[in-house]
Amino acid sequence: MKLDAVTLEVLRNALPAVANEMAADLQRTSYNMMIYEVRDYCTALLDTNGELISQNVGGVSHFVADLGVLVVDGMKRYGRDGFKPGDVVITNHQAVAGQHLNNVVIYMPYFYEGELLMSIEHLLPRVIRTLCGETVPCRVDCDNFHEIREEQLRTLAQRVAAEVRRRGRPRTLEPMNPADRRVIHMTLADDPGVMTESEGEGYFKRVSIRPA
C-alpha cells in the first residue's frame, strides 16, 4: 500500500504523540519531585515482542532499554489470552526491572475492538482504518529486519533438526509468534528425518521438532 503524504505525516506524528501524552500526564499528576522536576522517567509504546514503536521526548532516554524486557516477561508469564482490557501490571522485580528498589515499571495492554494489538504491523492497519475507513495489510521493515530474522530462524531450524536426527529425541523451541513459527515449519517441511508441530495456546506457541 502506498500512502499519500498527508496520511503518512499524520501517522508519523500520531504514534509519538501517544508517548508524549503519557509523559505529560505522568509529570502533571506526580507528587514526586524526581518525576515532575527532574523528569526521571520514560514513557513508550511497544509491541508484544518488546520492540519500541514510539518514545516520549524528554525524560531519561536510556530507560527505554528496560521496557522491552518487561513486556516480553509479561507475555511469557500470562500469554496473549491472559490480558484483558483495563489490566495494569506494576512491577519492580529486579530480574527484569533493574536493580533499584524504586525502579517501578507500569504497563498495560492496548486493544482495538476487543483485540489485543500485537505489533506495529498489527497496529498500523487499524490506525489506517480509523483515518481512511478501510483496513489494509501492512508489512513494516527496517534495515532488512525481516530478511535477517528469517535467516536466523532457518539456521536455528536446521541446527535443531540435525540435533534431533542425531540424538533421536525431540526438541521444543522457545515461544514464537505465528510468522516466526511459519518460517520454522516451512524450512523443515521437506526434511524426511523430522516433523514439526506447534504446541500451546494463545498467540505465542512453541514449535516441537521430533524425529519422523
N, C-alpha and C. Protein backbone atom coordinates (compact mmCIF):
# COMPACT_ATOMS: atom_id res chain seq x y z
N MET A 1 0.84 -1.19 0.00
CA MET A 1 0.00 0.00 0.00
C MET A 1 0.88 1.24 0.00
N LYS A 2 0.52 2.24 -0.82
CA LYS A 2 1.25 3.49 -0.87
C LYS A 2 0.38 4.58 -0.26
N LEU A 3 0.86 5.24 0.80
CA LEU A 3 0.12 6.28 1.47
C LEU A 3 0.43 7.63 0.85
N ASP A 4 -0.56 8.51 0.84
CA ASP A 4 -0.31 9.87 0.39
C ASP A 4 0.47 10.60 1.48
N ALA A 5 1.07 11.73 1.12
CA ALA A 5 1.98 12.43 2.01
C ALA A 5 1.29 12.91 3.28
N VAL A 6 0.05 13.33 3.17
CA VAL A 6 -0.67 13.85 4.33
C VAL A 6 -0.95 12.73 5.34
N THR A 7 -1.46 11.59 4.85
CA THR A 7 -1.76 10.46 5.74
C THR A 7 -0.49 9.95 6.39
N LEU A 8 0.58 9.85 5.62
CA LEU A 8 1.86 9.39 6.16
C LEU A 8 2.34 10.32 7.27
N GLU A 9 2.19 11.62 7.08
CA GLU A 9 2.64 12.57 8.09
C GLU A 9 1.79 12.48 9.35
N VAL A 10 0.49 12.24 9.17
CA VAL A 10 -0.39 12.06 10.34
C VAL A 10 0.04 10.83 11.14
N LEU A 11 0.31 9.73 10.45
CA LEU A 11 0.74 8.51 11.13
C LEU A 11 2.09 8.70 11.81
N ARG A 12 2.99 9.41 11.14
CA ARG A 12 4.33 9.60 11.68
C ARG A 12 4.31 10.38 12.99
N ASN A 13 3.32 11.25 13.14
CA ASN A 13 3.23 12.05 14.35
C ASN A 13 2.25 11.48 15.37
N ALA A 14 1.33 10.63 14.94
CA ALA A 14 0.31 10.12 15.85
C ALA A 14 0.91 9.21 16.91
N LEU A 15 1.79 8.31 16.51
CA LEU A 15 2.34 7.34 17.47
C LEU A 15 3.26 8.00 18.51
N PRO A 16 4.18 8.89 18.12
CA PRO A 16 4.95 9.60 19.15
C PRO A 16 4.08 10.45 20.06
N ALA A 17 2.96 10.96 19.53
CA ALA A 17 2.06 11.77 20.36
C ALA A 17 1.49 10.98 21.51
N VAL A 18 1.26 9.66 21.31
CA VAL A 18 0.74 8.82 22.38
C VAL A 18 1.74 8.79 23.54
N ALA A 19 3.01 8.58 23.23
CA ALA A 19 4.04 8.53 24.28
C ALA A 19 4.21 9.88 24.96
N ASN A 20 4.14 10.94 24.18
CA ASN A 20 4.29 12.28 24.76
C ASN A 20 3.11 12.64 25.67
N GLU A 21 1.92 12.20 25.32
CA GLU A 21 0.76 12.46 26.17
C GLU A 21 0.86 11.67 27.48
N MET A 22 1.36 10.45 27.40
CA MET A 22 1.58 9.68 28.63
C MET A 22 2.58 10.40 29.53
N ALA A 23 3.65 10.92 28.95
CA ALA A 23 4.67 11.62 29.73
C ALA A 23 4.10 12.87 30.38
N ALA A 24 3.30 13.61 29.62
CA ALA A 24 2.71 14.84 30.16
C ALA A 24 1.78 14.54 31.33
N ASP A 25 0.98 13.48 31.20
CA ASP A 25 0.07 13.11 32.29
C ASP A 25 0.85 12.66 33.52
N LEU A 26 1.91 11.88 33.31
CA LEU A 26 2.71 11.41 34.43
C LEU A 26 3.35 12.56 35.18
N GLN A 27 3.94 13.48 34.44
CA GLN A 27 4.62 14.62 35.07
C GLN A 27 3.62 15.54 35.77
N ARG A 28 2.47 15.75 35.15
CA ARG A 28 1.47 16.69 35.69
C ARG A 28 0.83 16.17 36.97
N THR A 29 0.66 14.86 37.10
CA THR A 29 -0.07 14.29 38.23
C THR A 29 0.84 13.74 39.33
N SER A 30 2.16 13.74 39.12
CA SER A 30 3.07 13.15 40.09
C SER A 30 3.25 14.04 41.31
N TYR A 31 3.41 13.42 42.48
CA TYR A 31 3.73 14.12 43.72
C TYR A 31 5.22 14.01 44.05
N ASN A 32 5.97 13.34 43.21
CA ASN A 32 7.39 13.11 43.46
C ASN A 32 8.21 14.07 42.62
N MET A 33 9.07 14.86 43.29
CA MET A 33 9.84 15.86 42.56
C MET A 33 10.81 15.24 41.55
N MET A 34 11.21 13.95 41.76
CA MET A 34 12.05 13.29 40.78
C MET A 34 11.33 13.10 39.46
N ILE A 35 10.02 13.11 39.52
CA ILE A 35 9.23 12.98 38.30
C ILE A 35 8.89 14.35 37.73
N TYR A 36 8.28 15.23 38.55
CA TYR A 36 7.78 16.48 37.97
C TYR A 36 8.85 17.55 37.79
N GLU A 37 10.03 17.41 38.43
CA GLU A 37 11.10 18.38 38.22
C GLU A 37 12.28 17.76 37.47
N VAL A 38 12.79 16.65 37.99
CA VAL A 38 13.97 16.03 37.37
C VAL A 38 13.60 15.28 36.09
N ARG A 39 12.33 14.84 36.00
CA ARG A 39 11.85 14.06 34.85
C ARG A 39 12.62 12.76 34.71
N ASP A 40 12.76 12.08 35.85
CA ASP A 40 13.50 10.82 35.91
C ASP A 40 12.55 9.67 35.55
N TYR A 41 12.16 9.62 34.29
CA TYR A 41 11.21 8.60 33.84
C TYR A 41 11.27 8.47 32.32
N CYS A 42 10.57 7.50 31.82
CA CYS A 42 10.45 7.30 30.37
C CYS A 42 9.08 6.69 30.09
N THR A 43 8.44 7.11 29.04
CA THR A 43 7.18 6.51 28.60
C THR A 43 7.32 6.08 27.14
N ALA A 44 6.66 5.00 26.79
CA ALA A 44 6.83 4.48 25.43
C ALA A 44 5.66 3.60 25.04
N LEU A 45 5.54 3.38 23.76
CA LEU A 45 4.58 2.46 23.17
C LEU A 45 5.39 1.33 22.55
N LEU A 46 5.09 0.08 22.97
CA LEU A 46 5.84 -1.08 22.49
C LEU A 46 4.88 -2.14 21.98
N ASP A 47 5.41 -3.06 21.17
CA ASP A 47 4.60 -4.20 20.76
C ASP A 47 4.87 -5.36 21.71
N THR A 48 4.20 -6.48 21.51
CA THR A 48 4.31 -7.60 22.45
C THR A 48 5.62 -8.36 22.32
N ASN A 49 6.44 -8.03 21.33
CA ASN A 49 7.78 -8.59 21.24
C ASN A 49 8.80 -7.72 21.98
N GLY A 50 8.31 -6.63 22.62
CA GLY A 50 9.19 -5.71 23.30
C GLY A 50 9.88 -4.73 22.39
N GLU A 51 9.43 -4.64 21.13
CA GLU A 51 10.03 -3.72 20.16
C GLU A 51 9.44 -2.33 20.34
N LEU A 52 10.31 -1.32 20.32
CA LEU A 52 9.88 0.06 20.51
C LEU A 52 9.13 0.57 19.30
N ILE A 53 7.94 1.16 19.55
CA ILE A 53 7.17 1.81 18.50
C ILE A 53 7.36 3.32 18.56
N SER A 54 7.23 3.88 19.75
CA SER A 54 7.48 5.31 19.94
C SER A 54 7.86 5.58 21.38
N GLN A 55 8.60 6.67 21.59
CA GLN A 55 9.08 7.05 22.91
C GLN A 55 8.85 8.53 23.12
N ASN A 56 8.66 8.93 24.38
CA ASN A 56 8.43 10.35 24.65
C ASN A 56 9.69 11.18 24.42
N VAL A 57 9.47 12.46 24.16
CA VAL A 57 10.57 13.42 24.05
C VAL A 57 10.86 13.95 25.45
N GLY A 58 12.13 13.96 25.85
CA GLY A 58 12.48 14.38 27.20
C GLY A 58 12.54 13.19 28.12
N GLY A 59 12.71 13.47 29.40
CA GLY A 59 12.85 12.38 30.35
C GLY A 59 14.22 11.74 30.23
N VAL A 60 14.35 10.54 30.75
CA VAL A 60 15.63 9.81 30.70
C VAL A 60 15.55 8.78 29.59
N SER A 61 16.24 9.04 28.50
CA SER A 61 16.07 8.23 27.30
C SER A 61 16.52 6.79 27.47
N HIS A 62 17.56 6.56 28.28
CA HIS A 62 18.09 5.20 28.37
C HIS A 62 17.15 4.26 29.12
N PHE A 63 16.14 4.80 29.81
CA PHE A 63 15.18 3.93 30.47
C PHE A 63 14.44 3.04 29.48
N VAL A 64 14.38 3.48 28.24
CA VAL A 64 13.63 2.71 27.25
C VAL A 64 14.24 1.32 27.07
N ALA A 65 15.53 1.17 27.39
CA ALA A 65 16.17 -0.14 27.28
C ALA A 65 15.60 -1.13 28.29
N ASP A 66 14.98 -0.63 29.36
CA ASP A 66 14.41 -1.50 30.39
C ASP A 66 12.99 -1.94 30.08
N LEU A 67 12.33 -1.33 29.10
CA LEU A 67 10.91 -1.55 28.92
C LEU A 67 10.61 -2.83 28.14
N GLY A 68 11.36 -3.11 27.11
CA GLY A 68 11.06 -4.27 26.26
C GLY A 68 11.10 -5.58 27.01
N VAL A 69 12.10 -5.73 27.92
CA VAL A 69 12.22 -7.00 28.65
C VAL A 69 11.02 -7.21 29.57
N LEU A 70 10.42 -6.11 30.05
CA LEU A 70 9.23 -6.25 30.90
C LEU A 70 8.05 -6.80 30.11
N VAL A 71 7.89 -6.31 28.87
CA VAL A 71 6.79 -6.77 28.04
C VAL A 71 6.98 -8.24 27.67
N VAL A 72 8.20 -8.61 27.29
CA VAL A 72 8.48 -10.00 26.95
C VAL A 72 8.22 -10.90 28.16
N ASP A 73 8.64 -10.44 29.33
CA ASP A 73 8.41 -11.21 30.56
C ASP A 73 6.92 -11.37 30.82
N GLY A 74 6.16 -10.30 30.62
CA GLY A 74 4.72 -10.38 30.84
C GLY A 74 4.03 -11.33 29.89
N MET A 75 4.45 -11.35 28.61
CA MET A 75 3.85 -12.26 27.65
C MET A 75 4.16 -13.71 27.98
N LYS A 76 5.38 -13.96 28.49
CA LYS A 76 5.73 -15.33 28.87
C LYS A 76 4.96 -15.77 30.10
N ARG A 77 4.75 -14.84 31.03
CA ARG A 77 4.06 -15.18 32.27
C ARG A 77 2.57 -15.41 32.07
N TYR A 78 1.93 -14.52 31.31
CA TYR A 78 0.47 -14.52 31.23
C TYR A 78 -0.06 -14.97 29.87
N GLY A 79 0.74 -14.85 28.81
CA GLY A 79 0.28 -15.22 27.48
C GLY A 79 -0.68 -14.17 26.90
N ARG A 80 -0.90 -14.28 25.61
CA ARG A 80 -1.78 -13.32 24.94
C ARG A 80 -3.17 -13.31 25.56
N ASP A 81 -3.70 -14.49 25.88
CA ASP A 81 -5.06 -14.59 26.40
C ASP A 81 -5.14 -14.22 27.88
N GLY A 82 -4.00 -13.97 28.50
CA GLY A 82 -4.00 -13.62 29.92
C GLY A 82 -4.24 -12.16 30.19
N PHE A 83 -4.28 -11.33 29.14
CA PHE A 83 -4.51 -9.90 29.30
C PHE A 83 -5.92 -9.54 28.85
N LYS A 84 -6.56 -8.64 29.60
CA LYS A 84 -7.90 -8.17 29.28
C LYS A 84 -7.90 -6.64 29.30
N PRO A 85 -8.85 -6.02 28.59
CA PRO A 85 -8.94 -4.55 28.63
C PRO A 85 -9.06 -4.05 30.06
N GLY A 86 -8.27 -3.04 30.38
CA GLY A 86 -8.29 -2.48 31.72
C GLY A 86 -7.21 -3.01 32.63
N ASP A 87 -6.52 -4.09 32.22
CA ASP A 87 -5.44 -4.64 33.05
C ASP A 87 -4.28 -3.65 33.15
N VAL A 88 -3.66 -3.59 34.31
CA VAL A 88 -2.45 -2.80 34.53
C VAL A 88 -1.47 -3.65 35.32
N VAL A 89 -0.24 -3.72 34.86
CA VAL A 89 0.80 -4.50 35.53
C VAL A 89 1.80 -3.53 36.14
N ILE A 90 2.08 -3.69 37.44
CA ILE A 90 3.05 -2.87 38.16
C ILE A 90 4.11 -3.81 38.74
N THR A 91 5.37 -3.55 38.46
CA THR A 91 6.42 -4.46 38.94
C THR A 91 7.71 -3.70 39.21
N ASN A 92 8.47 -4.19 40.16
CA ASN A 92 9.86 -3.74 40.36
C ASN A 92 10.77 -4.94 40.56
N HIS A 93 10.41 -6.07 39.94
CA HIS A 93 11.20 -7.29 40.06
C HIS A 93 12.60 -7.04 39.53
N GLN A 94 13.61 -7.34 40.34
CA GLN A 94 14.98 -6.98 39.97
C GLN A 94 15.48 -7.74 38.75
N ALA A 95 14.89 -8.90 38.44
CA ALA A 95 15.37 -9.68 37.31
C ALA A 95 15.04 -9.02 35.97
N VAL A 96 14.00 -8.19 35.95
CA VAL A 96 13.58 -7.59 34.69
C VAL A 96 13.43 -6.08 34.77
N ALA A 97 13.34 -5.51 35.97
CA ALA A 97 13.08 -4.07 36.09
C ALA A 97 14.27 -3.28 36.59
N GLY A 98 15.43 -3.88 36.67
CA GLY A 98 16.60 -3.17 37.15
C GLY A 98 16.90 -3.49 38.60
N GLN A 99 18.00 -2.95 39.11
CA GLN A 99 18.48 -3.32 40.44
C GLN A 99 17.95 -2.43 41.56
N HIS A 100 17.46 -1.24 41.25
CA HIS A 100 17.00 -0.32 42.28
C HIS A 100 15.60 -0.71 42.74
N LEU A 101 15.37 -0.64 44.06
CA LEU A 101 14.07 -0.98 44.60
C LEU A 101 12.98 -0.07 44.05
N ASN A 102 13.34 1.19 43.82
CA ASN A 102 12.33 2.14 43.34
C ASN A 102 12.27 2.23 41.81
N ASN A 103 12.89 1.27 41.13
CA ASN A 103 12.72 1.17 39.67
C ASN A 103 11.38 0.49 39.40
N VAL A 104 10.34 1.26 39.32
CA VAL A 104 8.99 0.72 39.15
C VAL A 104 8.56 0.90 37.70
N VAL A 105 8.03 -0.17 37.11
CA VAL A 105 7.54 -0.13 35.74
C VAL A 105 6.05 -0.43 35.75
N ILE A 106 5.29 0.39 35.07
CA ILE A 106 3.84 0.20 34.94
C ILE A 106 3.52 0.08 33.46
N TYR A 107 2.83 -0.97 33.07
CA TYR A 107 2.42 -1.10 31.68
C TYR A 107 1.04 -1.72 31.59
N MET A 108 0.39 -1.45 30.48
CA MET A 108 -0.94 -2.01 30.26
C MET A 108 -1.10 -2.37 28.79
N PRO A 109 -1.84 -3.42 28.50
CA PRO A 109 -2.07 -3.82 27.10
C PRO A 109 -3.04 -2.86 26.43
N TYR A 110 -2.93 -2.71 25.12
CA TYR A 110 -3.89 -1.89 24.39
C TYR A 110 -4.64 -2.76 23.39
N PHE A 111 -5.91 -2.44 23.26
CA PHE A 111 -6.83 -3.25 22.47
C PHE A 111 -7.53 -2.39 21.42
N TYR A 112 -7.96 -3.05 20.35
CA TYR A 112 -8.79 -2.39 19.33
C TYR A 112 -9.99 -3.29 19.09
N GLU A 113 -11.17 -2.78 19.42
CA GLU A 113 -12.40 -3.56 19.29
C GLU A 113 -12.27 -4.92 19.99
N GLY A 114 -11.68 -4.89 21.19
CA GLY A 114 -11.55 -6.09 21.99
C GLY A 114 -10.39 -6.99 21.63
N GLU A 115 -9.59 -6.60 20.64
CA GLU A 115 -8.48 -7.44 20.17
C GLU A 115 -7.15 -6.85 20.61
N LEU A 116 -6.33 -7.66 21.27
CA LEU A 116 -5.02 -7.22 21.71
C LEU A 116 -4.14 -6.94 20.50
N LEU A 117 -3.56 -5.76 20.45
CA LEU A 117 -2.70 -5.39 19.33
C LEU A 117 -1.29 -5.89 19.61
N MET A 118 -0.79 -6.73 18.71
CA MET A 118 0.42 -7.49 18.98
C MET A 118 1.70 -6.82 18.50
N SER A 119 1.64 -6.01 17.46
CA SER A 119 2.86 -5.46 16.89
C SER A 119 2.53 -4.22 16.08
N ILE A 120 3.56 -3.54 15.61
CA ILE A 120 3.35 -2.35 14.78
C ILE A 120 2.63 -2.73 13.49
N GLU A 121 2.92 -3.93 12.95
CA GLU A 121 2.22 -4.38 11.74
C GLU A 121 0.76 -4.70 12.05
N HIS A 122 0.49 -5.05 13.29
CA HIS A 122 -0.88 -5.32 13.72
C HIS A 122 -1.62 -4.02 13.99
N LEU A 123 -0.87 -3.01 14.45
CA LEU A 123 -1.47 -1.73 14.83
C LEU A 123 -1.76 -0.84 13.63
N LEU A 124 -0.83 -0.75 12.69
CA LEU A 124 -0.96 0.19 11.58
C LEU A 124 -2.23 0.02 10.76
N PRO A 125 -2.63 -1.21 10.39
CA PRO A 125 -3.87 -1.33 9.60
C PRO A 125 -5.08 -0.74 10.31
N ARG A 126 -5.09 -0.82 11.64
CA ARG A 126 -6.23 -0.30 12.38
C ARG A 126 -6.18 1.22 12.48
N VAL A 127 -4.95 1.77 12.56
CA VAL A 127 -4.81 3.22 12.51
C VAL A 127 -5.26 3.75 11.15
N ILE A 128 -4.83 3.06 10.09
CA ILE A 128 -5.21 3.47 8.74
C ILE A 128 -6.72 3.36 8.55
N ARG A 129 -7.30 2.29 9.12
CA ARG A 129 -8.76 2.14 9.01
C ARG A 129 -9.49 3.29 9.67
N THR A 130 -8.97 3.74 10.83
CA THR A 130 -9.59 4.87 11.52
C THR A 130 -9.50 6.14 10.68
N LEU A 131 -8.37 6.30 9.99
CA LEU A 131 -8.17 7.52 9.20
C LEU A 131 -8.85 7.45 7.84
N CYS A 132 -8.82 6.28 7.21
CA CYS A 132 -9.24 6.17 5.81
C CYS A 132 -10.51 5.36 5.61
N GLY A 133 -10.97 4.67 6.64
CA GLY A 133 -12.20 3.91 6.51
C GLY A 133 -12.03 2.52 5.95
N GLU A 134 -10.80 2.06 5.74
CA GLU A 134 -10.58 0.70 5.24
C GLU A 134 -9.34 0.11 5.89
N THR A 135 -9.37 -1.21 6.09
CA THR A 135 -8.25 -1.92 6.68
C THR A 135 -7.44 -2.58 5.58
N VAL A 136 -6.14 -2.35 5.59
CA VAL A 136 -5.26 -2.94 4.58
C VAL A 136 -4.11 -3.63 5.30
N PRO A 137 -3.61 -4.74 4.76
CA PRO A 137 -2.45 -5.40 5.36
C PRO A 137 -1.19 -4.56 5.20
N CYS A 138 -0.35 -4.54 6.22
CA CYS A 138 0.88 -3.77 6.19
C CYS A 138 2.06 -4.65 6.57
N ARG A 139 3.17 -4.43 5.94
CA ARG A 139 4.42 -5.11 6.31
C ARG A 139 5.45 -4.03 6.59
N VAL A 140 5.90 -3.95 7.82
CA VAL A 140 6.83 -2.92 8.23
C VAL A 140 8.22 -3.53 8.33
N ASP A 141 9.19 -2.89 7.69
CA ASP A 141 10.55 -3.40 7.71
C ASP A 141 11.52 -2.26 7.95
N CYS A 142 12.64 -2.56 8.58
CA CYS A 142 13.67 -1.56 8.84
C CYS A 142 15.03 -2.26 8.78
N ASP A 143 15.90 -1.75 7.92
CA ASP A 143 17.24 -2.31 7.79
C ASP A 143 17.21 -3.82 7.54
N ASN A 144 16.26 -4.25 6.69
CA ASN A 144 16.14 -5.67 6.31
C ASN A 144 15.91 -6.58 7.52
N PHE A 145 15.16 -6.07 8.51
CA PHE A 145 14.92 -6.84 9.72
C PHE A 145 14.28 -8.18 9.41
N HIS A 146 13.23 -8.22 8.56
CA HIS A 146 12.53 -9.46 8.28
C HIS A 146 13.45 -10.49 7.61
N GLU A 147 14.24 -10.02 6.66
CA GLU A 147 15.15 -10.93 5.95
C GLU A 147 16.18 -11.52 6.91
N ILE A 148 16.73 -10.68 7.79
CA ILE A 148 17.73 -11.16 8.75
C ILE A 148 17.09 -12.11 9.75
N ARG A 149 15.91 -11.75 10.24
CA ARG A 149 15.22 -12.59 11.21
C ARG A 149 14.88 -13.95 10.62
N GLU A 150 14.39 -13.97 9.39
CA GLU A 150 14.03 -15.24 8.76
C GLU A 150 15.26 -16.12 8.54
N GLU A 151 16.38 -15.52 8.19
CA GLU A 151 17.60 -16.30 8.00
C GLU A 151 18.06 -16.89 9.34
N GLN A 152 17.93 -16.13 10.41
CA GLN A 152 18.29 -16.64 11.73
C GLN A 152 17.40 -17.82 12.11
N LEU A 153 16.11 -17.72 11.81
CA LEU A 153 15.18 -18.79 12.15
C LEU A 153 15.45 -20.04 11.31
N ARG A 154 15.78 -19.86 10.02
CA ARG A 154 16.10 -21.01 9.17
C ARG A 154 17.34 -21.73 9.69
N THR A 155 18.34 -20.94 10.08
CA THR A 155 19.56 -21.54 10.64
C THR A 155 19.25 -22.30 11.92
N LEU A 156 18.43 -21.70 12.78
CA LEU A 156 18.04 -22.36 14.02
C LEU A 156 17.31 -23.67 13.73
N ALA A 157 16.36 -23.62 12.80
CA ALA A 157 15.58 -24.82 12.47
C ALA A 157 16.48 -25.95 11.97
N GLN A 158 17.40 -25.63 11.08
CA GLN A 158 18.29 -26.65 10.52
C GLN A 158 19.24 -27.21 11.58
N ARG A 159 19.73 -26.35 12.47
CA ARG A 159 20.63 -26.81 13.51
C ARG A 159 19.92 -27.74 14.49
N VAL A 160 18.70 -27.34 14.92
CA VAL A 160 17.96 -28.17 15.87
C VAL A 160 17.52 -29.47 15.21
N ALA A 161 17.12 -29.41 13.93
CA ALA A 161 16.71 -30.63 13.22
C ALA A 161 17.87 -31.61 13.14
N ALA A 162 19.07 -31.12 12.88
CA ALA A 162 20.24 -32.00 12.82
C ALA A 162 20.48 -32.66 14.17
N GLU A 163 20.28 -31.89 15.25
CA GLU A 163 20.45 -32.45 16.59
C GLU A 163 19.40 -33.51 16.88
N VAL A 164 18.15 -33.26 16.45
CA VAL A 164 17.06 -34.22 16.68
C VAL A 164 17.33 -35.51 15.92
N ARG A 165 17.79 -35.41 14.69
CA ARG A 165 18.10 -36.61 13.90
C ARG A 165 19.25 -37.39 14.54
N ARG A 166 20.24 -36.67 15.04
CA ARG A 166 21.42 -37.33 15.60
C ARG A 166 21.11 -38.03 16.92
N ARG A 167 20.33 -37.37 17.76
CA ARG A 167 20.06 -37.92 19.10
C ARG A 167 18.78 -38.74 19.17
N GLY A 168 17.92 -38.55 18.18
CA GLY A 168 16.67 -39.29 18.19
C GLY A 168 15.70 -38.85 19.25
N ARG A 169 15.87 -37.62 19.77
CA ARG A 169 14.98 -37.08 20.79
C ARG A 169 14.40 -35.76 20.33
N PRO A 170 13.16 -35.45 20.70
CA PRO A 170 12.54 -34.20 20.26
C PRO A 170 13.12 -32.99 20.98
N ARG A 171 12.99 -31.82 20.35
CA ARG A 171 13.37 -30.55 20.95
C ARG A 171 12.21 -29.58 20.80
N THR A 172 11.99 -28.78 21.82
CA THR A 172 10.94 -27.77 21.79
C THR A 172 11.57 -26.39 21.85
N LEU A 173 11.21 -25.53 20.92
CA LEU A 173 11.79 -24.20 20.85
C LEU A 173 11.06 -23.23 21.77
N GLU A 174 11.64 -22.06 21.95
CA GLU A 174 11.01 -21.02 22.77
C GLU A 174 9.72 -20.53 22.11
N PRO A 175 8.80 -19.95 22.89
CA PRO A 175 7.55 -19.44 22.30
C PRO A 175 7.82 -18.44 21.17
N MET A 176 7.04 -18.55 20.09
CA MET A 176 7.21 -17.69 18.91
C MET A 176 5.86 -17.20 18.43
N ASN A 177 5.90 -16.08 17.72
CA ASN A 177 4.67 -15.57 17.10
C ASN A 177 4.38 -16.38 15.83
N PRO A 178 3.19 -16.22 15.24
CA PRO A 178 2.83 -17.05 14.07
C PRO A 178 3.79 -16.93 12.90
N ALA A 179 4.28 -15.72 12.62
CA ALA A 179 5.17 -15.54 11.47
C ALA A 179 6.48 -16.30 11.66
N ASP A 180 7.04 -16.24 12.88
CA ASP A 180 8.28 -16.96 13.14
C ASP A 180 8.07 -18.47 13.10
N ARG A 181 6.94 -18.92 13.64
CA ARG A 181 6.67 -20.36 13.61
C ARG A 181 6.53 -20.86 12.17
N ARG A 182 5.93 -20.05 11.32
CA ARG A 182 5.75 -20.45 9.93
C ARG A 182 7.10 -20.67 9.25
N VAL A 183 8.09 -19.82 9.55
CA VAL A 183 9.41 -19.99 8.95
C VAL A 183 10.01 -21.33 9.38
N ILE A 184 9.86 -21.69 10.65
CA ILE A 184 10.39 -22.97 11.14
C ILE A 184 9.72 -24.13 10.41
N HIS A 185 8.39 -24.09 10.35
CA HIS A 185 7.65 -25.18 9.69
C HIS A 185 8.02 -25.31 8.21
N MET A 186 8.11 -24.16 7.51
CA MET A 186 8.41 -24.20 6.08
C MET A 186 9.83 -24.67 5.82
N THR A 187 10.77 -24.29 6.68
CA THR A 187 12.17 -24.69 6.50
C THR A 187 12.32 -26.20 6.57
N LEU A 188 11.56 -26.83 7.46
CA LEU A 188 11.72 -28.27 7.68
C LEU A 188 10.63 -29.10 7.02
N ALA A 189 9.79 -28.46 6.21
CA ALA A 189 8.66 -29.18 5.61
C ALA A 189 9.11 -30.34 4.73
N ASP A 190 10.23 -30.19 4.03
CA ASP A 190 10.70 -31.24 3.12
C ASP A 190 11.80 -32.11 3.72
N ASP A 191 12.04 -31.96 5.01
CA ASP A 191 13.06 -32.78 5.67
C ASP A 191 12.44 -34.11 6.09
N PRO A 192 12.84 -35.23 5.48
CA PRO A 192 12.21 -36.52 5.78
C PRO A 192 12.55 -37.06 7.17
N GLY A 193 13.55 -36.47 7.81
CA GLY A 193 14.01 -37.01 9.08
C GLY A 193 13.32 -36.43 10.30
N VAL A 194 12.57 -35.33 10.12
CA VAL A 194 11.93 -34.70 11.28
C VAL A 194 10.52 -34.25 10.91
N MET A 195 9.73 -33.96 11.93
CA MET A 195 8.40 -33.38 11.75
C MET A 195 8.21 -32.29 12.79
N THR A 196 7.41 -31.29 12.46
CA THR A 196 7.23 -30.15 13.35
C THR A 196 5.76 -29.98 13.70
N GLU A 197 5.54 -29.40 14.87
CA GLU A 197 4.17 -29.15 15.32
C GLU A 197 4.17 -27.99 16.31
N SER A 198 3.20 -27.10 16.17
CA SER A 198 3.04 -26.01 17.13
C SER A 198 2.26 -26.50 18.33
N GLU A 199 2.73 -26.12 19.53
CA GLU A 199 2.10 -26.56 20.76
C GLU A 199 1.79 -25.36 21.64
N GLY A 200 0.70 -25.46 22.40
CA GLY A 200 0.34 -24.41 23.35
C GLY A 200 -0.90 -23.65 22.92
N GLU A 201 -1.27 -22.69 23.74
CA GLU A 201 -2.44 -21.87 23.49
C GLU A 201 -2.01 -20.42 23.32
N GLY A 202 -2.89 -19.64 22.70
CA GLY A 202 -2.64 -18.21 22.58
C GLY A 202 -1.80 -17.86 21.37
N TYR A 203 -1.35 -16.62 21.36
CA TYR A 203 -0.61 -16.07 20.22
C TYR A 203 0.80 -16.65 20.13
N PHE A 204 1.48 -16.72 21.26
CA PHE A 204 2.84 -17.27 21.29
C PHE A 204 2.76 -18.76 21.59
N LYS A 205 3.28 -19.57 20.68
CA LYS A 205 3.29 -21.02 20.86
C LYS A 205 4.71 -21.54 20.63
N ARG A 206 4.97 -22.74 21.12
CA ARG A 206 6.26 -23.39 20.92
C ARG A 206 6.21 -24.34 19.74
N VAL A 207 7.29 -24.43 19.01
CA VAL A 207 7.39 -25.40 17.92
C VAL A 207 8.16 -26.60 18.42
N SER A 208 7.57 -27.77 18.30
CA SER A 208 8.22 -29.03 18.67
C SER A 208 8.78 -29.68 17.41
N ILE A 209 10.05 -30.03 17.44
CA ILE A 209 10.71 -30.72 16.33
C ILE A 209 11.03 -32.13 16.80
N ARG A 210 10.43 -33.12 16.12
CA ARG A 210 10.55 -34.52 16.56
C ARG A 210 11.08 -35.40 15.43
N PRO A 211 11.69 -36.53 15.80
CA PRO A 211 12.12 -37.47 14.76
C PRO A 211 10.90 -37.98 13.98
N ALA A 212 11.06 -38.12 12.68
CA ALA A 212 9.93 -38.60 11.85
C ALA A 212 9.70 -40.08 12.04
